[in-house]
Amino acid sequence: MLYSLVASCEANGINPEAYLADVLLRVQTHPAARIEELLPHRWTVSA
């Protein structure tokens, strides 16, 4: 599973370490109805 996450990030030009660190923090408060925003192909760096 971790390998596919890293591969998805790299395919989308995202640093896997930055992505995972950001998503793990944001998932706690992110609305469940908008969870697709945290997928690698839709993810943007939080401000």
PDB file of N, CA and C in Angstrom:
ATOM      1  N   MET A   1       0.817  -1.176   0.000  1.00  0.00           N
ATOM      2  CA  MET A   1       0.000   0.000   0.000  1.00  0.00           C
ATOM      3  C   MET A   1       0.874   1.259   0.000  1.00  0.00           C
ATOM      4  N   LEU A   2       1.922   1.279   0.772  1.00  0.00           N
ATOM      5  CA  LEU A   2       2.801   2.434   0.823  1.00  0.00           C
ATOM      6  C   LEU A   2       3.468   2.671  -0.528  1.00  0.00           C
ATOM      7  N   TYR A   3       3.854   1.594  -1.195  1.00  0.00           N
ATOM      8  CA  TYR A   3       4.482   1.732  -2.505  1.00  0.00           C
ATOM      9  C   TYR A   3       3.523   2.382  -3.500  1.00  0.00           C
ATOM     10  N   SER A   4       2.246   1.996  -3.482  1.00  0.00           N
ATOM     11  CA  SER A   4       1.294   2.579  -4.422  1.00  0.00           C
ATOM     12  C   SER A   4       1.034   4.048  -4.100  1.00  0.00           C
ATOM     13  N   LEU A   5       1.068   4.412  -2.821  1.00  0.00           N
ATOM     14  CA  LEU A   5       0.913   5.813  -2.429  1.00  0.00           C
ATOM     15  C   LEU A   5       2.083   6.640  -2.953  1.00  0.00           C
ATOM     16  N   VAL A   6       3.290   6.144  -2.775  1.00  0.00           N
ATOM     17  CA  VAL A   6       4.479   6.837  -3.267  1.00  0.00           C
ATOM     18  C   VAL A   6       4.443   6.933  -4.787  1.00  0.00           C
ATOM     19  N   ALA A   7       4.069   5.868  -5.456  1.00  0.00           N
ATOM     20  CA  ALA A   7       3.994   5.878  -6.920  1.00  0.00           C
ATOM     21  C   ALA A   7       2.945   6.861  -7.416  1.00  0.00           C
ATOM     22  N   SER A   8       1.814   6.943  -6.744  1.00  0.00           N
ATOM     23  CA  SER A   8       0.768   7.898  -7.123  1.00  0.00           C
ATOM     24  C   SER A   8       1.252   9.329  -6.958  1.00  0.00           C
ATOM     25  N   CYS A   9       1.954   9.587  -5.879  1.00  0.00           N
ATOM     26  CA  CYS A   9       2.504  10.924  -5.663  1.00  0.00           C
ATOM     27  C   CYS A   9       3.504  11.277  -6.745  1.00  0.00           C
ATOM     28  N   GLU A  10       4.413  10.376  -7.025  1.00  0.00           N
ATOM     29  CA  GLU A  10       5.433  10.642  -8.027  1.00  0.00           C
ATOM     30  C   GLU A  10       4.820  10.817  -9.411  1.00  0.00           C
ATOM     31  N   ALA A  11       3.780  10.058  -9.725  1.00  0.00           N
ATOM     32  CA  ALA A  11       3.109  10.192 -11.021  1.00  0.00           C
ATOM     33  C   ALA A  11       2.440  11.553 -11.166  1.00  0.00           C
ATOM     34  N   ASN A  12       2.095  12.166 -10.038  1.00  0.00           N
ATOM     35  CA  ASN A  12       1.437  13.467 -10.057  1.00  0.00           C
ATOM     36  C   ASN A  12       2.397  14.608  -9.723  1.00  0.00           C
ATOM     37  N   GLY A  13       3.691  14.316  -9.666  1.00  0.00           N
ATOM     38  CA  GLY A  13       4.699  15.330  -9.418  1.00  0.00           C
ATOM     39  C   GLY A  13       4.682  15.890  -8.003  1.00  0.00           C
ATOM     40  N   ILE A  14       4.325  15.043  -7.040  1.00  0.00           N
ATOM     41  CA  ILE A  14       4.206  15.463  -5.642  1.00  0.00           C
ATOM     42  C   ILE A  14       5.293  14.782  -4.821  1.00  0.00           C
ATOM     43  N   ASN A  15       5.858  15.521  -3.878  1.00  0.00           N
ATOM     44  CA  ASN A  15       6.813  14.948  -2.932  1.00  0.00           C
ATOM     45  C   ASN A  15       6.014  14.059  -1.970  1.00  0.00           C
ATOM     46  N   PRO A  16       6.229  12.738  -1.977  1.00  0.00           N
ATOM     47  CA  PRO A  16       5.450  11.831  -1.130  1.00  0.00           C
ATOM     48  C   PRO A  16       5.534  12.152   0.362  1.00  0.00           C
ATOM     49  N   GLU A  17       6.705  12.580   0.818  1.00  0.00           N
ATOM     50  CA  GLU A  17       6.870  12.893   2.237  1.00  0.00           C
ATOM     51  C   GLU A  17       6.039  14.118   2.631  1.00  0.00           C
ATOM     52  N   ALA A  18       6.071  15.145   1.811  1.00  0.00           N
ATOM     53  CA  ALA A  18       5.279  16.354   2.079  1.00  0.00           C
ATOM     54  C   ALA A  18       3.786  16.044   2.019  1.00  0.00           C
ATOM     55  N   TYR A  19       3.386  15.241   1.040  1.00  0.00           N
ATOM     56  CA  TYR A  19       1.980  14.866   0.887  1.00  0.00           C
ATOM     57  C   TYR A  19       1.489  14.129   2.128  1.00  0.00           C
ATOM     58  N   LEU A  20       2.208  13.105   2.524  1.00  0.00           N
ATOM     59  CA  LEU A  20       1.781  12.289   3.658  1.00  0.00           C
ATOM     60  C   LEU A  20       1.739  13.099   4.951  1.00  0.00           C
ATOM     61  N   ALA A  21       2.734  13.934   5.188  1.00  0.00           N
ATOM     62  CA  ALA A  21       2.758  14.764   6.390  1.00  0.00           C
ATOM     63  C   ALA A  21       1.556  15.704   6.416  1.00  0.00           C
ATOM     64  N   ASP A  22       1.244  16.331   5.285  1.00  0.00           N
ATOM     65  CA  ASP A  22       0.130  17.263   5.220  1.00  0.00           C
ATOM     66  C   ASP A  22      -1.209  16.544   5.394  1.00  0.00           C
ATOM     67  N   VAL A  23      -1.385  15.448   4.690  1.00  0.00           N
ATOM     68  CA  VAL A  23      -2.665  14.727   4.748  1.00  0.00           C
ATOM     69  C   VAL A  23      -2.923  14.151   6.132  1.00  0.00           C
ATOM     70  N   LEU A  24      -1.902  13.649   6.791  1.00  0.00           N
ATOM     71  CA  LEU A  24      -2.101  13.092   8.134  1.00  0.00           C
ATOM     72  C   LEU A  24      -2.549  14.158   9.128  1.00  0.00           C
ATOM     73  N   LEU A  25      -2.103  15.383   8.935  1.00  0.00           N
ATOM     74  CA  LEU A  25      -2.557  16.470   9.798  1.00  0.00           C
ATOM     75  C   LEU A  25      -3.968  16.932   9.430  1.00  0.00           C
ATOM     76  N   ARG A  26      -4.240  17.041   8.149  1.00  0.00           N
ATOM     77  CA  ARG A  26      -5.525  17.573   7.688  1.00  0.00           C
ATOM     78  C   ARG A  26      -6.693  16.597   7.834  1.00  0.00           C
ATOM     79  N   VAL A  27      -6.435  15.311   7.750  1.00  0.00           N
ATOM     80  CA  VAL A  27      -7.518  14.326   7.753  1.00  0.00           C
ATOM     81  C   VAL A  27      -8.325  14.370   9.058  1.00  0.00           C
ATOM     82  N   GLN A  28      -7.731  14.858  10.124  1.00  0.00           N
ATOM     83  CA  GLN A  28      -8.419  14.929  11.418  1.00  0.00           C
ATOM     84  C   GLN A  28      -9.607  15.872  11.399  1.00  0.00           C
ATOM     85  N   THR A  29      -9.497  16.944  10.633  1.00  0.00           N
ATOM     86  CA  THR A  29     -10.541  17.971  10.634  1.00  0.00           C
ATOM     87  C   THR A  29     -11.207  18.154   9.276  1.00  0.00           C
ATOM     88  N   HIS A  30     -10.754  17.440   8.282  1.00  0.00           N
ATOM     89  CA  HIS A  30     -11.287  17.599   6.926  1.00  0.00           C
ATOM     90  C   HIS A  30     -12.683  16.968   6.842  1.00  0.00           C
ATOM     91  N   PRO A  31     -13.638  17.656   6.232  1.00  0.00           N
ATOM     92  CA  PRO A  31     -14.997  17.101   6.117  1.00  0.00           C
ATOM     93  C   PRO A  31     -15.013  15.799   5.302  1.00  0.00           C
ATOM     94  N   ALA A  32     -15.716  14.815   5.787  1.00  0.00           N
ATOM     95  CA  ALA A  32     -15.784  13.518   5.114  1.00  0.00           C
ATOM     96  C   ALA A  32     -16.377  13.644   3.716  1.00  0.00           C
ATOM     97  N   ALA A  33     -17.277  14.569   3.522  1.00  0.00           N
ATOM     98  CA  ALA A  33     -17.913  14.750   2.217  1.00  0.00           C
ATOM     99  C   ALA A  33     -16.922  15.264   1.165  1.00  0.00           C
ATOM    100  N   ARG A  34     -15.775  15.789   1.607  1.00  0.00           N
ATOM    101  CA  ARG A  34     -14.775  16.337   0.679  1.00  0.00           C
ATOM    102  C   ARG A  34     -13.458  15.565   0.755  1.00  0.00           C
ATOM    103  N   ILE A  35     -13.516  14.318   1.169  1.00  0.00           N
ATOM    104  CA  ILE A  35     -12.304  13.523   1.375  1.00  0.00           C
ATOM    105  C   ILE A  35     -11.517  13.322   0.077  1.00  0.00           C
ATOM    106  N   GLU A  36     -12.199  13.369  -1.077  1.00  0.00           N
ATOM    107  CA  GLU A  36     -11.509  13.184  -2.356  1.00  0.00           C
ATOM    108  C   GLU A  36     -10.478  14.287  -2.613  1.00  0.00           C
ATOM    109  N   GLU A  37     -10.597  15.418  -1.936  1.00  0.00           N
ATOM    110  CA  GLU A  37      -9.621  16.496  -2.073  1.00  0.00           C
ATOM    111  C   GLU A  37      -8.254  16.107  -1.532  1.00  0.00           C
ATOM    112  N   LEU A  38      -8.203  15.060  -0.725  1.00  0.00           N
ATOM    113  CA  LEU A  38      -6.940  14.628  -0.145  1.00  0.00           C
ATOM    114  C   LEU A  38      -6.253  13.518  -0.946  1.00  0.00           C
ATOM    115  N   LEU A  39      -6.854  13.092  -2.042  1.00  0.00           N
ATOM    116  CA  LEU A  39      -6.227  12.100  -2.891  1.00  0.00           C
ATOM    117  C   LEU A  39      -5.073  12.751  -3.656  1.00  0.00           C
ATOM    118  N   PRO A  40      -4.029  11.996  -3.975  1.00  0.00           N
ATOM    119  CA  PRO A  40      -2.857  12.598  -4.599  1.00  0.00           C
ATOM    120  C   PRO A  40      -3.149  13.414  -5.870  1.00  0.00           C
ATOM    121  N   HIS A  41      -4.052  12.970  -6.705  1.00  0.00           N
ATOM    122  CA  HIS A  41      -4.305  13.691  -7.952  1.00  0.00           C
ATOM    123  C   HIS A  41      -5.136  14.953  -7.760  1.00  0.00           C
ATOM    124  N   ARG A  42      -5.713  15.166  -6.570  1.00  0.00           N
ATOM    125  CA  ARG A  42      -6.508  16.373  -6.288  1.00  0.00           C
ATOM    126  C   ARG A  42      -5.890  17.243  -5.202  1.00  0.00           C
ATOM    127  N   TRP A  43      -4.858  16.769  -4.549  1.00  0.00           N
ATOM    128  CA  TRP A  43      -4.259  17.421  -3.390  1.00  0.00           C
ATOM    129  C   TRP A  43      -3.562  18.726  -3.760  1.00  0.00           C
ATOM    130  N   THR A  44      -3.724  19.731  -2.919  1.00  0.00           N
ATOM    131  CA  THR A  44      -2.948  20.963  -3.010  1.00  0.00           C
ATOM    132  C   THR A  44      -2.376  21.256  -1.630  1.00  0.00           C
ATOM    133  N   VAL A  45      -1.246  21.894  -1.586  1.00  0.00           N
ATOM    134  CA  VAL A  45      -0.590  22.202  -0.320  1.00  0.00           C
ATOM    135  C   VAL A  45      -1.465  23.135   0.489  1.00  0.00           C
ATOM    136  N   SER A  46      -1.633  22.824   1.765  1.00  0.00           N
ATOM    137  CA  SER A  46      -2.427  23.702   2.635  1.00  0.00           C
ATOM    138  C   SER A  46      -1.641  24.959   2.954  1.00  0.00           C
ATOM    139  N   ALA A  47      -2.386  26.017   3.206  1.00  0.00           N
ATOM    140  CA  ALA A  47      -1.741  27.320   3.464  1.00  0.00           C
ATOM    141  C   ALA A  47      -1.160  27.398   4.842  1.00  0.00           C
TER     142      ALA A  47
END
